[in-house]
Amino acid sequence: MIDENLLESLSSSDKESFARGLKELITQTYEVEKEFIELKALFEEVLDILPTAVWVLEEGGEIFYQNSLASEIPQLLDYFHLQGGTRQEIEIESRVYLFQSNQKLNKTIISATDITSEKRRERLASMGQISAHLAHEIRNPIGSVALLASTLSNRVDIKNKALVLEIKKSIWRVERIIKATLLFSKGVHIQKSTNDPKNIENELRGVLDYYTYSKNIHFLFDFEYKKLEADFDLLCIVLQNFLFNAIDAIEDGDSDNGVIEFYYFNDSNNAIFRIFDSGKPIENPQILFEPFKTTKLKGNGLGLALSLQIIEAHNGSIKILQEEKKGFEISLPLYS
């Protein structure tokens, strides 16, 4: 409070000078306040675009501030309070978050960053190394067993031929898993050539003799014989994977009979394969192409992951079809 007697004692020029100084001080105060508000808004905008949830808590635990991401997933804060600690990784609903906390000016600052992708890459790298090592270790003894099975098939009685055939089918399946594992761990390198769809169809029909299934399945192949550019061996691996998945879906279904439809045709820009089956519905589309994840009793979860890798190496795409019939569409560009 300014003393009125002091003001009265000032001369007119002093009063004018004092008024100018006071006005300048008030103006500067408004400018500082304006800058503070602008800086605060800028700071909050920066926090809002961060891919990290941020909370600032009062001493009693009340929320003083939270950015947009934190307000969208408030349950994260509850998990952090339950776990405790200043830095930790917490898995919540198949997502992994890195939590960090710090104390500043009697307030607690907490951040939560989604590191699911990083953890997935680490896990896949580790699993890929282990799988590749096991595949190498298994390959040699499986080769020996395959050789012995071929020798045995020429020596056994006719009544035992069926048993040897089942052994050879099992060996073939293991060899496919080994090949898929090594391909996935080393990476896919395509070598395109011009392919006759008739050869692809013959390859698919031929592998049916090696794949074991117990139900009555009707196979329909409807291929237009228009040539396409692709890596023949890798494309056949992809199409076999989808064919075997369709068989497994029928095997896991309730009916004793099933139908698998396989189509090939071209549109103006793409070579398109479609496969439909009447088997068990897709349980979890989100993990279909996740390596080492599967809901099937058969397989190791690499088939569709490797298939996607191969098709993307061709600059193609795979999509699920679940409207009229359950199936998949595999699309490859006609022109590189």
C-alpha atoms as a PDB file:
ATOM      1  CA  MET A   1       0.000   0.000   0.000  1.00  0.00           C
ATOM      2  CA  ILE A   2       1.385   3.395  -1.031  1.00  0.00           C
ATOM      3  CA  ASP A   3       1.412   6.023   1.743  1.00  0.00           C
ATOM      4  CA  GLU A   4      -1.008   8.852   0.731  1.00  0.00           C
ATOM      5  CA  ASN A   5       0.942  11.440   2.761  1.00  0.00           C
ATOM      6  CA  LEU A   6       4.058  10.512   0.820  1.00  0.00           C
ATOM      7  CA  LEU A   7       2.220  11.038  -2.453  1.00  0.00           C
ATOM      8  CA  GLU A   8       0.925  14.415  -1.280  1.00  0.00           C
ATOM      9  CA  SER A   9       4.475  15.551  -0.486  1.00  0.00           C
ATOM     10  CA  LEU A  10       5.687  14.819  -4.011  1.00  0.00           C
ATOM     11  CA  SER A  11       5.930  17.573  -6.560  1.00  0.00           C
ATOM     12  CA  SER A  12       3.917  17.453  -9.751  1.00  0.00           C
ATOM     13  CA  SER A  13       6.928  16.324 -11.794  1.00  0.00           C
ATOM     14  CA  ASP A  14       7.739  13.616  -9.228  1.00  0.00           C
ATOM     15  CA  LYS A  15       4.162  12.407  -9.325  1.00  0.00           C
ATOM     16  CA  GLU A  16       4.264  12.233 -13.120  1.00  0.00           C
ATOM     17  CA  SER A  17       7.572  10.357 -12.990  1.00  0.00           C
ATOM     18  CA  PHE A  18       6.185   7.969 -10.367  1.00  0.00           C
ATOM     19  CA  ALA A  19       3.047   7.363 -12.436  1.00  0.00           C
ATOM     20  CA  ARG A  20       5.120   6.626 -15.536  1.00  0.00           C
ATOM     21  CA  GLY A  21       7.296   4.202 -13.590  1.00  0.00           C
ATOM     22  CA  LEU A  22       4.254   2.485 -12.090  1.00  0.00           C
ATOM     23  CA  LYS A  23       2.622   2.204 -15.505  1.00  0.00           C
ATOM     24  CA  GLU A  24       5.818   0.743 -16.960  1.00  0.00           C
ATOM     25  CA  LEU A  25       6.022  -1.747 -14.082  1.00  0.00           C
ATOM     26  CA  ILE A  26       2.413  -2.808 -14.588  1.00  0.00           C
ATOM     27  CA  THR A  27       3.004  -3.175 -18.348  1.00  0.00           C
ATOM     28  CA  GLN A  28       6.108  -5.300 -17.750  1.00  0.00           C
ATOM     29  CA  THR A  29       4.161  -7.425 -15.259  1.00  0.00           C
ATOM     30  CA  TYR A  30       1.447  -8.060 -17.853  1.00  0.00           C
ATOM     31  CA  GLU A  31       4.081  -8.922 -20.478  1.00  0.00           C
ATOM     32  CA  VAL A  32       5.818 -11.352 -18.106  1.00  0.00           C
ATOM     33  CA  GLU A  33       2.466 -12.931 -17.240  1.00  0.00           C
ATOM     34  CA  LYS A  34       1.617 -13.177 -20.961  1.00  0.00           C
ATOM     35  CA  GLU A  35       4.980 -14.832 -21.703  1.00  0.00           C
ATOM     36  CA  PHE A  36       4.448 -17.223 -18.800  1.00  0.00           C
ATOM     37  CA  ILE A  37       0.986 -18.204 -20.101  1.00  0.00           C
ATOM     38  CA  GLU A  38       2.359 -18.700 -23.620  1.00  0.00           C
ATOM     39  CA  LEU A  39       5.294 -20.775 -22.329  1.00  0.00           C
ATOM     40  CA  LYS A  40       2.928 -22.844 -20.173  1.00  0.00           C
ATOM     41  CA  ALA A  41       0.659 -23.483 -23.201  1.00  0.00           C
ATOM     42  CA  LEU A  42       3.697 -24.386 -25.340  1.00  0.00           C
ATOM     43  CA  PHE A  43       5.007 -26.709 -22.614  1.00  0.00           C
ATOM     44  CA  GLU A  44       1.626 -28.454 -22.374  1.00  0.00           C
ATOM     45  CA  GLU A  45       1.411 -28.786 -26.179  1.00  0.00           C
ATOM     46  CA  VAL A  46       4.863 -30.401 -26.219  1.00  0.00           C
ATOM     47  CA  LEU A  47       3.802 -32.825 -23.477  1.00  0.00           C
ATOM     48  CA  ASP A  48       0.602 -33.623 -25.368  1.00  0.00           C
ATOM     49  CA  ILE A  49       2.408 -34.728 -28.530  1.00  0.00           C
ATOM     50  CA  LEU A  50       4.841 -36.973 -26.667  1.00  0.00           C
ATOM     51  CA  PRO A  51       4.255 -40.745 -27.131  1.00  0.00           C
ATOM     52  CA  THR A  52       4.502 -40.983 -23.347  1.00  0.00           C
ATOM     53  CA  ALA A  53       1.839 -40.657 -20.644  1.00  0.00           C
ATOM     54  CA  VAL A  54       2.830 -38.016 -18.064  1.00  0.00           C
ATOM     55  CA  TRP A  55       1.294 -37.283 -14.659  1.00  0.00           C
ATOM     56  CA  VAL A  56       2.235 -34.672 -12.048  1.00  0.00           C
ATOM     57  CA  LEU A  57       0.858 -35.529  -8.602  1.00  0.00           C
ATOM     58  CA  GLU A  58       0.430 -33.434  -5.454  1.00  0.00           C
ATOM     59  CA  GLU A  59       1.885 -34.659  -2.163  1.00  0.00           C
ATOM     60  CA  GLY A  60      -1.419 -36.316  -1.288  1.00  0.00           C
ATOM     61  CA  GLY A  61      -1.571 -38.173  -4.609  1.00  0.00           C
ATOM     62  CA  GLU A  62      -4.098 -35.888  -6.322  1.00  0.00           C
ATOM     63  CA  ILE A  63      -3.458 -35.224 -10.009  1.00  0.00           C
ATOM     64  CA  PHE A  64      -2.012 -31.736 -10.522  1.00  0.00           C
ATOM     65  CA  TYR A  65      -1.472 -32.240 -14.271  1.00  0.00           C
ATOM     66  CA  GLN A  66      -1.744 -34.984 -16.882  1.00  0.00           C
ATOM     67  CA  ASN A  67      -1.170 -34.898 -20.630  1.00  0.00           C
ATOM     68  CA  SER A  68      -3.659 -36.159 -23.222  1.00  0.00           C
ATOM     69  CA  LEU A  69      -2.251 -39.689 -23.435  1.00  0.00           C
ATOM     70  CA  ALA A  70      -2.347 -40.046 -19.644  1.00  0.00           C
ATOM     71  CA  SER A  71      -5.998 -39.004 -19.576  1.00  0.00           C
ATOM     72  CA  GLU A  72      -6.827 -41.589 -22.274  1.00  0.00           C
ATOM     73  CA  ILE A  73      -5.334 -44.491 -20.291  1.00  0.00           C
ATOM     74  CA  PRO A  74      -5.821 -43.558 -16.608  1.00  0.00           C
ATOM     75  CA  GLN A  75      -5.678 -47.215 -15.532  1.00  0.00           C
ATOM     76  CA  LEU A  76      -1.896 -47.165 -16.069  1.00  0.00           C
ATOM     77  CA  LEU A  77      -1.451 -45.000 -13.017  1.00  0.00           C
ATOM     78  CA  ASP A  78      -3.296 -47.541 -10.864  1.00  0.00           C
ATOM     79  CA  TYR A  79      -0.930 -50.322 -11.980  1.00  0.00           C
ATOM     80  CA  PHE A  80       2.081 -48.166 -11.116  1.00  0.00           C
ATOM     81  CA  HIS A  81       0.771 -47.447  -7.615  1.00  0.00           C
ATOM     82  CA  LEU A  82       0.146 -51.157  -7.067  1.00  0.00           C
ATOM     83  CA  GLN A  83       3.644 -52.151  -8.177  1.00  0.00           C
ATOM     84  CA  GLY A  84       5.609 -49.338  -6.547  1.00  0.00           C
ATOM     85  CA  GLY A  85       9.197 -48.358  -7.352  1.00  0.00           C
ATOM     86  CA  THR A  86      10.761 -45.484  -9.329  1.00  0.00           C
ATOM     87  CA  ARG A  87      11.651 -47.353 -12.552  1.00  0.00           C
ATOM     88  CA  GLN A  88      10.037 -50.569 -13.731  1.00  0.00           C
ATOM     89  CA  GLU A  89       8.538 -52.420 -16.678  1.00  0.00           C
ATOM     90  CA  ILE A  90       4.910 -53.484 -16.276  1.00  0.00           C
ATOM     91  CA  GLU A  91       2.924 -55.663 -18.685  1.00  0.00           C
ATOM     92  CA  ILE A  92      -0.709 -54.599 -19.000  1.00  0.00           C
ATOM     93  CA  GLU A  93      -3.136 -56.288 -21.406  1.00  0.00           C
ATOM     94  CA  SER A  94      -0.369 -57.578 -23.727  1.00  0.00           C
ATOM     95  CA  ARG A  95       1.381 -54.184 -23.761  1.00  0.00           C
ATOM     96  CA  VAL A  96       4.648 -53.433 -21.940  1.00  0.00           C
ATOM     97  CA  TYR A  97       5.191 -50.002 -20.353  1.00  0.00           C
ATOM     98  CA  LEU A  98       8.326 -48.475 -18.875  1.00  0.00           C
ATOM     99  CA  PHE A  99       7.384 -46.438 -15.787  1.00  0.00           C
ATOM    100  CA  GLN A 100       9.690 -43.783 -14.319  1.00  0.00           C
ATOM    101  CA  SER A 101       9.060 -41.386 -11.441  1.00  0.00           C
ATOM    102  CA  ASN A 102      10.864 -38.464  -9.819  1.00  0.00           C
ATOM    103  CA  GLN A 103      10.291 -35.868  -7.087  1.00  0.00           C
ATOM    104  CA  LYS A 104      10.416 -32.124  -7.876  1.00  0.00           C
ATOM    105  CA  LEU A 105       9.109 -29.166  -5.838  1.00  0.00           C
ATOM    106  CA  ASN A 106       7.011 -31.360  -3.522  1.00  0.00           C
ATOM    107  CA  LYS A 107       5.389 -32.995  -6.543  1.00  0.00           C
ATOM    108  CA  THR A 108       5.785 -36.446  -8.082  1.00  0.00           C
ATOM    109  CA  ILE A 109       6.360 -36.692 -11.831  1.00  0.00           C
ATOM    110  CA  ILE A 110       5.451 -40.071 -13.387  1.00  0.00           C
ATOM    111  CA  SER A 111       5.888 -41.136 -17.007  1.00  0.00           C
ATOM    112  CA  ALA A 112       4.792 -44.323 -18.798  1.00  0.00           C
ATOM    113  CA  THR A 113       6.252 -45.195 -22.224  1.00  0.00           C
ATOM    114  CA  ASP A 114       4.917 -48.024 -24.392  1.00  0.00           C
ATOM    115  CA  ILE A 115       7.960 -50.211 -25.160  1.00  0.00           C
ATOM    116  CA  THR A 116       6.001 -53.188 -26.518  1.00  0.00           C
ATOM    117  CA  SER A 117       7.653 -52.982 -29.954  1.00  0.00           C
ATOM    118  CA  GLU A 118      11.151 -52.848 -28.479  1.00  0.00           C
ATOM    119  CA  LYS A 119      10.484 -55.802 -26.176  1.00  0.00           C
ATOM    120  CA  ARG A 120       8.942 -57.725 -29.077  1.00  0.00           C
ATOM    121  CA  ARG A 121      12.034 -57.130 -31.235  1.00  0.00           C
ATOM    122  CA  GLU A 122      14.284 -58.272 -28.399  1.00  0.00           C
ATOM    123  CA  ARG A 123      12.171 -61.385 -27.812  1.00  0.00           C
ATOM    124  CA  LEU A 124      12.000 -62.243 -31.513  1.00  0.00           C
ATOM    125  CA  ALA A 125      15.748 -61.803 -31.927  1.00  0.00           C
ATOM    126  CA  SER A 126      16.378 -64.124 -29.008  1.00  0.00           C
ATOM    127  CA  MET A 127      13.808 -66.688 -30.132  1.00  0.00           C
ATOM    128  CA  GLY A 128      15.091 -66.504 -33.706  1.00  0.00           C
ATOM    129  CA  GLN A 129      18.648 -67.244 -32.592  1.00  0.00           C
ATOM    130  CA  ILE A 130      17.539 -70.188 -30.458  1.00  0.00           C
ATOM    131  CA  SER A 131      15.256 -71.542 -33.200  1.00  0.00           C
ATOM    132  CA  ALA A 132      17.971 -71.255 -35.850  1.00  0.00           C
ATOM    133  CA  HIS A 133      20.422 -73.094 -33.597  1.00  0.00           C
ATOM    134  CA  LEU A 134      17.916 -75.884 -32.915  1.00  0.00           C
ATOM    135  CA  ALA A 135      17.044 -76.131 -36.612  1.00  0.00           C
ATOM    136  CA  HIS A 136      20.720 -76.606 -37.502  1.00  0.00           C
ATOM    137  CA  GLU A 137      21.123 -79.232 -34.782  1.00  0.00           C
ATOM    138  CA  ILE A 138      18.023 -81.149 -35.901  1.00  0.00           C
ATOM    139  CA  ARG A 139      18.720 -80.984 -39.636  1.00  0.00           C
ATOM    140  CA  ASN A 140      21.514 -83.591 -39.739  1.00  0.00           C
ATOM    141  CA  PRO A 141      19.788 -86.350 -37.721  1.00  0.00           C
ATOM    142  CA  ILE A 142      16.536 -85.758 -39.638  1.00  0.00           C
ATOM    143  CA  GLY A 143      18.458 -86.182 -42.886  1.00  0.00           C
ATOM    144  CA  SER A 144      19.789 -89.506 -41.626  1.00  0.00           C
ATOM    145  CA  VAL A 145      16.317 -90.661 -40.563  1.00  0.00           C
ATOM    146  CA  ALA A 146      14.923 -89.677 -43.982  1.00  0.00           C
ATOM    147  CA  LEU A 147      17.621 -91.721 -45.714  1.00  0.00           C
ATOM    148  CA  LEU A 148      16.958 -94.731 -43.498  1.00  0.00           C
ATOM    149  CA  ALA A 149      13.192 -94.429 -44.061  1.00  0.00           C
ATOM    150  CA  SER A 150      13.707 -94.469 -47.838  1.00  0.00           C
ATOM    151  CA  THR A 151      15.907 -97.564 -47.521  1.00  0.00           C
ATOM    152  CA  LEU A 152      13.373 -99.216 -45.241  1.00  0.00           C
ATOM    153  CA  SER A 153      10.493 -98.586 -47.632  1.00  0.00           C
ATOM    154  CA  ASN A 154      12.236-100.736 -50.243  1.00  0.00           C
ATOM    155  CA  ARG A 155      12.707-103.646 -47.834  1.00  0.00           C
ATOM    156  CA  VAL A 156       9.552-103.956 -45.733  1.00  0.00           C
ATOM    157  CA  ASP A 157       6.518-106.088 -46.519  1.00  0.00           C
ATOM    158  CA  ILE A 158       3.603-104.512 -48.318  1.00  0.00           C
ATOM    159  CA  LYS A 159       1.516-104.658 -45.126  1.00  0.00           C
ATOM    160  CA  ASN A 160       4.068-102.374 -43.397  1.00  0.00           C
ATOM    161  CA  LYS A 161       4.436 -99.902 -46.253  1.00  0.00           C
ATOM    162  CA  ALA A 162       1.744 -97.650 -44.742  1.00  0.00           C
ATOM    163  CA  LEU A 163       3.741 -97.293 -41.527  1.00  0.00           C
ATOM    164  CA  VAL A 164       6.875 -96.298 -43.397  1.00  0.00           C
ATOM    165  CA  LEU A 165       4.836 -93.809 -45.428  1.00  0.00           C
ATOM    166  CA  GLU A 166       3.616 -92.167 -42.212  1.00  0.00           C
ATOM    167  CA  ILE A 167       7.220 -91.950 -41.000  1.00  0.00           C
ATOM    168  CA  LYS A 168       8.212 -90.257 -44.260  1.00  0.00           C
ATOM    169  CA  LYS A 169       5.295 -87.826 -43.956  1.00  0.00           C
ATOM    170  CA  SER A 170       6.381 -86.887 -40.427  1.00  0.00           C
ATOM    171  CA  ILE A 171       9.963 -86.370 -41.588  1.00  0.00           C
ATOM    172  CA  TRP A 172       8.736 -84.163 -44.428  1.00  0.00           C
ATOM    173  CA  ARG A 173       6.777 -82.053 -41.954  1.00  0.00           C
ATOM    174  CA  VAL A 174       9.807 -81.620 -39.672  1.00  0.00           C
ATOM    175  CA  GLU A 175      11.954 -80.669 -42.673  1.00  0.00           C
ATOM    176  CA  ARG A 176       9.384 -77.988 -43.609  1.00  0.00           C
ATOM    177  CA  ILE A 177       9.517 -76.561 -40.085  1.00  0.00           C
ATOM    178  CA  ILE A 178      13.319 -76.505 -40.177  1.00  0.00           C
ATOM    179  CA  LYS A 179      13.328 -74.769 -43.566  1.00  0.00           C
ATOM    180  CA  ALA A 180      10.752 -72.194 -42.417  1.00  0.00           C
ATOM    181  CA  THR A 181      12.699 -71.501 -39.216  1.00  0.00           C
ATOM    182  CA  LEU A 182      15.988 -70.955 -41.052  1.00  0.00           C
ATOM    183  CA  LEU A 183      14.310 -68.778 -43.676  1.00  0.00           C
ATOM    184  CA  PHE A 184      12.646 -66.636 -41.020  1.00  0.00           C
ATOM    185  CA  SER A 185      15.807 -66.223 -38.923  1.00  0.00           C
ATOM    186  CA  LYS A 186      18.097 -65.434 -41.873  1.00  0.00           C
ATOM    187  CA  GLY A 187      15.667 -63.236 -43.786  1.00  0.00           C
ATOM    188  CA  VAL A 188      13.972 -63.667 -47.148  1.00  0.00           C
ATOM    189  CA  HIS A 189      15.778 -62.940 -50.421  1.00  0.00           C
ATOM    190  CA  ILE A 190      13.592 -63.373 -53.488  1.00  0.00           C
ATOM    191  CA  GLN A 191      14.648 -64.339 -56.999  1.00  0.00           C
ATOM    192  CA  LYS A 192      11.790 -63.636 -59.373  1.00  0.00           C
ATOM    193  CA  SER A 193      11.066 -65.606 -62.509  1.00  0.00           C
ATOM    194  CA  THR A 194       8.106 -66.033 -64.847  1.00  0.00           C
ATOM    195  CA  ASN A 195       5.831 -68.757 -63.503  1.00  0.00           C
ATOM    196  CA  ASP A 196       3.086 -70.842 -65.050  1.00  0.00           C
ATOM    197  CA  PRO A 197       0.158 -71.104 -62.548  1.00  0.00           C
ATOM    198  CA  LYS A 198      -0.343 -74.698 -63.703  1.00  0.00           C
ATOM    199  CA  ASN A 199       3.005 -75.605 -62.126  1.00  0.00           C
ATOM    200  CA  ILE A 200       1.966 -73.899 -58.883  1.00  0.00           C
ATOM    201  CA  GLU A 201      -1.340 -75.799 -58.863  1.00  0.00           C
ATOM    202  CA  ASN A 202       0.475 -79.099 -59.484  1.00  0.00           C
ATOM    203  CA  GLU A 203       2.830 -78.331 -56.602  1.00  0.00           C
ATOM    204  CA  LEU A 204      -0.111 -77.692 -54.258  1.00  0.00           C
ATOM    205  CA  ARG A 205      -1.925 -80.844 -55.315  1.00  0.00           C
ATOM    206  CA  GLY A 206       1.276 -82.856 -54.903  1.00  0.00           C
ATOM    207  CA  VAL A 207       1.977 -81.811 -51.291  1.00  0.00           C
ATOM    208  CA  LEU A 208      -1.463 -83.038 -50.236  1.00  0.00           C
ATOM    209  CA  ASP A 209      -0.032 -86.562 -50.396  1.00  0.00           C
ATOM    210  CA  TYR A 210       2.434 -85.646 -47.633  1.00  0.00           C
ATOM    211  CA  TYR A 211       0.069 -83.810 -45.283  1.00  0.00           C
ATOM    212  CA  THR A 212      -1.823 -85.957 -42.795  1.00  0.00           C
ATOM    213  CA  TYR A 213      -5.523 -85.284 -42.155  1.00  0.00           C
ATOM    214  CA  SER A 214      -8.382 -87.521 -41.064  1.00  0.00           C
ATOM    215  CA  LYS A 215     -11.556 -85.853 -42.343  1.00  0.00           C
ATOM    216  CA  ASN A 216     -13.225 -85.984 -45.726  1.00  0.00           C
ATOM    217  CA  ILE A 217     -12.108 -82.780 -47.431  1.00  0.00           C
ATOM    218  CA  HIS A 218     -13.094 -81.705 -50.938  1.00  0.00           C
ATOM    219  CA  PHE A 219     -10.448 -79.575 -52.681  1.00  0.00           C
ATOM    220  CA  LEU A 220     -11.452 -77.166 -55.428  1.00  0.00           C
ATOM    221  CA  PHE A 221      -8.681 -75.537 -57.495  1.00  0.00           C
ATOM    222  CA  ASP A 222      -9.764 -72.889 -59.990  1.00  0.00           C
ATOM    223  CA  PHE A 223      -6.693 -71.255 -61.539  1.00  0.00           C
ATOM    224  CA  GLU A 224      -6.610 -68.916 -64.521  1.00  0.00           C
ATOM    225  CA  TYR A 225      -3.501 -69.781 -66.497  1.00  0.00           C
ATOM    226  CA  LYS A 226      -2.087 -66.298 -66.717  1.00  0.00           C
ATOM    227  CA  LYS A 227       1.611 -66.159 -65.907  1.00  0.00           C
ATOM    228  CA  LEU A 228       3.035 -64.147 -63.005  1.00  0.00           C
ATOM    229  CA  GLU A 229       6.403 -62.891 -61.800  1.00  0.00           C
ATOM    230  CA  ALA A 230       7.471 -64.348 -58.442  1.00  0.00           C
ATOM    231  CA  ASP A 231       9.989 -66.517 -56.629  1.00  0.00           C
ATOM    232  CA  PHE A 232       8.490 -69.929 -57.376  1.00  0.00           C
ATOM    233  CA  ASP A 233       9.866 -71.816 -54.350  1.00  0.00           C
ATOM    234  CA  LEU A 234       9.020 -69.077 -51.842  1.00  0.00           C
ATOM    235  CA  LEU A 235       5.553 -68.479 -53.306  1.00  0.00           C
ATOM    236  CA  CYS A 236       4.829 -72.215 -53.076  1.00  0.00           C
ATOM    237  CA  ILE A 237       5.859 -72.141 -49.403  1.00  0.00           C
ATOM    238  CA  VAL A 238       3.330 -69.338 -48.805  1.00  0.00           C
ATOM    239  CA  LEU A 239       0.483 -71.058 -50.634  1.00  0.00           C
ATOM    240  CA  GLN A 240       1.244 -74.394 -48.945  1.00  0.00           C
ATOM    241  CA  ASN A 241       1.103 -72.675 -45.547  1.00  0.00           C
ATOM    242  CA  PHE A 242      -2.362 -71.309 -46.276  1.00  0.00           C
ATOM    243  CA  LEU A 243      -3.492 -74.653 -47.692  1.00  0.00           C
ATOM    244  CA  PHE A 244      -2.296 -76.523 -44.595  1.00  0.00           C
ATOM    245  CA  ASN A 245      -3.862 -73.927 -42.296  1.00  0.00           C
ATOM    246  CA  ALA A 246      -7.176 -74.461 -44.084  1.00  0.00           C
ATOM    247  CA  ILE A 247      -6.857 -78.235 -43.594  1.00  0.00           C
ATOM    248  CA  ASP A 248      -6.054 -77.747 -39.892  1.00  0.00           C
ATOM    249  CA  ALA A 249      -9.072 -75.442 -39.489  1.00  0.00           C
ATOM    250  CA  ILE A 250     -11.338 -78.187 -40.868  1.00  0.00           C
ATOM    251  CA  GLU A 251      -9.622 -80.805 -38.698  1.00  0.00           C
ATOM    252  CA  ASP A 252     -10.262 -78.615 -35.621  1.00  0.00           C
ATOM    253  CA  GLY A 253     -13.884 -77.923 -36.623  1.00  0.00           C
ATOM    254  CA  ASP A 254     -17.007 -79.806 -35.584  1.00  0.00           C
ATOM    255  CA  SER A 255     -17.980 -81.243 -38.982  1.00  0.00           C
ATOM    256  CA  ASP A 256     -16.650 -84.529 -40.358  1.00  0.00           C
ATOM    257  CA  ASN A 257     -16.516 -83.005 -43.858  1.00  0.00           C
ATOM    258  CA  GLY A 258     -14.997 -79.876 -45.256  1.00  0.00           C
ATOM    259  CA  VAL A 259     -14.411 -77.837 -48.391  1.00  0.00           C
ATOM    260  CA  ILE A 260     -11.316 -75.867 -49.408  1.00  0.00           C
ATOM    261  CA  GLU A 261     -11.503 -73.542 -52.409  1.00  0.00           C
ATOM    262  CA  PHE A 262      -8.328 -72.182 -54.018  1.00  0.00           C
ATOM    263  CA  TYR A 263      -8.574 -69.514 -56.736  1.00  0.00           C
ATOM    264  CA  TYR A 264      -6.053 -67.669 -58.867  1.00  0.00           C
ATOM    265  CA  PHE A 265      -6.823 -64.774 -61.234  1.00  0.00           C
ATOM    266  CA  ASN A 266      -5.457 -61.422 -62.402  1.00  0.00           C
ATOM    267  CA  ASP A 267      -6.947 -57.965 -62.210  1.00  0.00           C
ATOM    268  CA  SER A 268      -5.448 -54.998 -64.065  1.00  0.00           C
ATOM    269  CA  ASN A 269      -2.475 -54.638 -61.691  1.00  0.00           C
ATOM    270  CA  ASN A 270      -2.218 -57.709 -59.494  1.00  0.00           C
ATOM    271  CA  ALA A 271      -1.954 -61.478 -59.441  1.00  0.00           C
ATOM    272  CA  ILE A 272      -4.439 -62.628 -56.807  1.00  0.00           C
ATOM    273  CA  PHE A 273      -4.765 -65.887 -54.891  1.00  0.00           C
ATOM    274  CA  ARG A 274      -7.793 -66.515 -52.695  1.00  0.00           C
ATOM    275  CA  ILE A 275      -8.304 -69.490 -50.411  1.00  0.00           C
ATOM    276  CA  PHE A 276     -11.489 -70.276 -48.485  1.00  0.00           C
ATOM    277  CA  ASP A 277     -12.262 -73.082 -46.049  1.00  0.00           C
ATOM    278  CA  SER A 278     -15.330 -74.302 -44.161  1.00  0.00           C
ATOM    279  CA  GLY A 279     -13.393 -75.016 -40.984  1.00  0.00           C
ATOM    280  CA  LYS A 280     -13.082 -73.479 -37.554  1.00  0.00           C
ATOM    281  CA  PRO A 281     -13.428 -69.664 -37.462  1.00  0.00           C
ATOM    282  CA  ILE A 282     -10.368 -67.488 -36.890  1.00  0.00           C
ATOM    283  CA  GLU A 283     -10.098 -67.058 -33.113  1.00  0.00           C
ATOM    284  CA  ASN A 284      -7.718 -64.122 -32.797  1.00  0.00           C
ATOM    285  CA  PRO A 285      -6.960 -62.179 -36.017  1.00  0.00           C
ATOM    286  CA  GLN A 286      -4.584 -59.865 -34.101  1.00  0.00           C
ATOM    287  CA  ILE A 287      -1.965 -62.581 -33.575  1.00  0.00           C
ATOM    288  CA  LEU A 288      -2.326 -64.368 -36.926  1.00  0.00           C
ATOM    289  CA  PHE A 289       0.942 -63.030 -38.314  1.00  0.00           C
ATOM    290  CA  GLU A 290       2.793 -62.840 -34.979  1.00  0.00           C
ATOM    291  CA  PRO A 291       5.864 -65.133 -35.000  1.00  0.00           C
ATOM    292  CA  PHE A 292       5.825 -68.043 -32.531  1.00  0.00           C
ATOM    293  CA  LYS A 293       2.184 -67.386 -31.602  1.00  0.00           C
ATOM    294  CA  THR A 294      -0.528 -69.848 -32.590  1.00  0.00           C
ATOM    295  CA  THR A 295      -3.890 -71.106 -31.381  1.00  0.00           C
ATOM    296  CA  LYS A 296      -3.481 -74.389 -33.305  1.00  0.00           C
ATOM    297  CA  LEU A 297      -2.409 -77.712 -31.859  1.00  0.00           C
ATOM    298  CA  LYS A 298      -0.136 -78.230 -34.877  1.00  0.00           C
ATOM    299  CA  GLY A 299       2.677 -75.925 -35.938  1.00  0.00           C
ATOM    300  CA  ASN A 300       5.086 -73.529 -34.281  1.00  0.00           C
ATOM    301  CA  GLY A 301       3.477 -70.197 -35.184  1.00  0.00           C
ATOM    302  CA  LEU A 302       5.949 -69.382 -37.969  1.00  0.00           C
ATOM    303  CA  GLY A 303       3.942 -70.302 -41.081  1.00  0.00           C
ATOM    304  CA  LEU A 304       1.894 -67.132 -41.531  1.00  0.00           C
ATOM    305  CA  ALA A 305       4.642 -64.859 -40.169  1.00  0.00           C
ATOM    306  CA  LEU A 306       7.052 -66.238 -42.775  1.00  0.00           C
ATOM    307  CA  SER A 307       4.335 -66.023 -45.461  1.00  0.00           C
ATOM    308  CA  LEU A 308       3.806 -62.331 -44.729  1.00  0.00           C
ATOM    309  CA  GLN A 309       7.559 -61.746 -44.855  1.00  0.00           C
ATOM    310  CA  ILE A 310       7.778 -63.449 -48.269  1.00  0.00           C
ATOM    311  CA  ILE A 311       4.778 -61.631 -49.759  1.00  0.00           C
ATOM    312  CA  GLU A 312       5.989 -58.240 -48.499  1.00  0.00           C
ATOM    313  CA  ALA A 313       9.391 -58.998 -50.074  1.00  0.00           C
ATOM    314  CA  HIS A 314       7.424 -59.290 -53.357  1.00  0.00           C
ATOM    315  CA  ASN A 315       5.791 -55.876 -52.565  1.00  0.00           C
ATOM    316  CA  GLY A 316       2.509 -57.722 -52.160  1.00  0.00           C
ATOM    317  CA  SER A 317      -0.090 -57.923 -49.404  1.00  0.00           C
ATOM    318  CA  ILE A 318      -2.228 -60.413 -47.460  1.00  0.00           C
ATOM    319  CA  LYS A 319      -5.675 -59.689 -46.080  1.00  0.00           C
ATOM    320  CA  ILE A 320      -8.291 -61.646 -44.168  1.00  0.00           C
ATOM    321  CA  LEU A 321     -11.657 -62.288 -45.819  1.00  0.00           C
ATOM    322  CA  GLN A 322     -14.502 -62.885 -43.369  1.00  0.00           C
ATOM    323  CA  GLU A 323     -17.641 -61.502 -44.967  1.00  0.00           C
ATOM    324  CA  GLU A 324     -19.419 -64.183 -47.010  1.00  0.00           C
ATOM    325  CA  LYS A 325     -16.798 -66.914 -46.519  1.00  0.00           C
ATOM    326  CA  LYS A 326     -13.765 -67.239 -44.274  1.00  0.00           C
ATOM    327  CA  GLY A 327     -10.494 -67.005 -46.134  1.00  0.00           C
ATOM    328  CA  PHE A 328      -7.457 -65.016 -47.216  1.00  0.00           C
ATOM    329  CA  GLU A 329      -6.434 -62.986 -50.235  1.00  0.00           C
ATOM    330  CA  ILE A 330      -2.804 -62.888 -51.355  1.00  0.00           C
ATOM    331  CA  SER A 331      -2.024 -60.138 -53.833  1.00  0.00           C
ATOM    332  CA  LEU A 332       1.200 -59.740 -55.855  1.00  0.00           C
ATOM    333  CA  PRO A 333       1.951 -56.882 -58.262  1.00  0.00           C
ATOM    334  CA  LEU A 334       1.984 -57.966 -61.903  1.00  0.00           C
ATOM    335  CA  TYR A 335       4.613 -55.382 -62.722  1.00  0.00           C
ATOM    336  CA  SER A 336       7.717 -54.700 -60.592  1.00  0.00           C
END
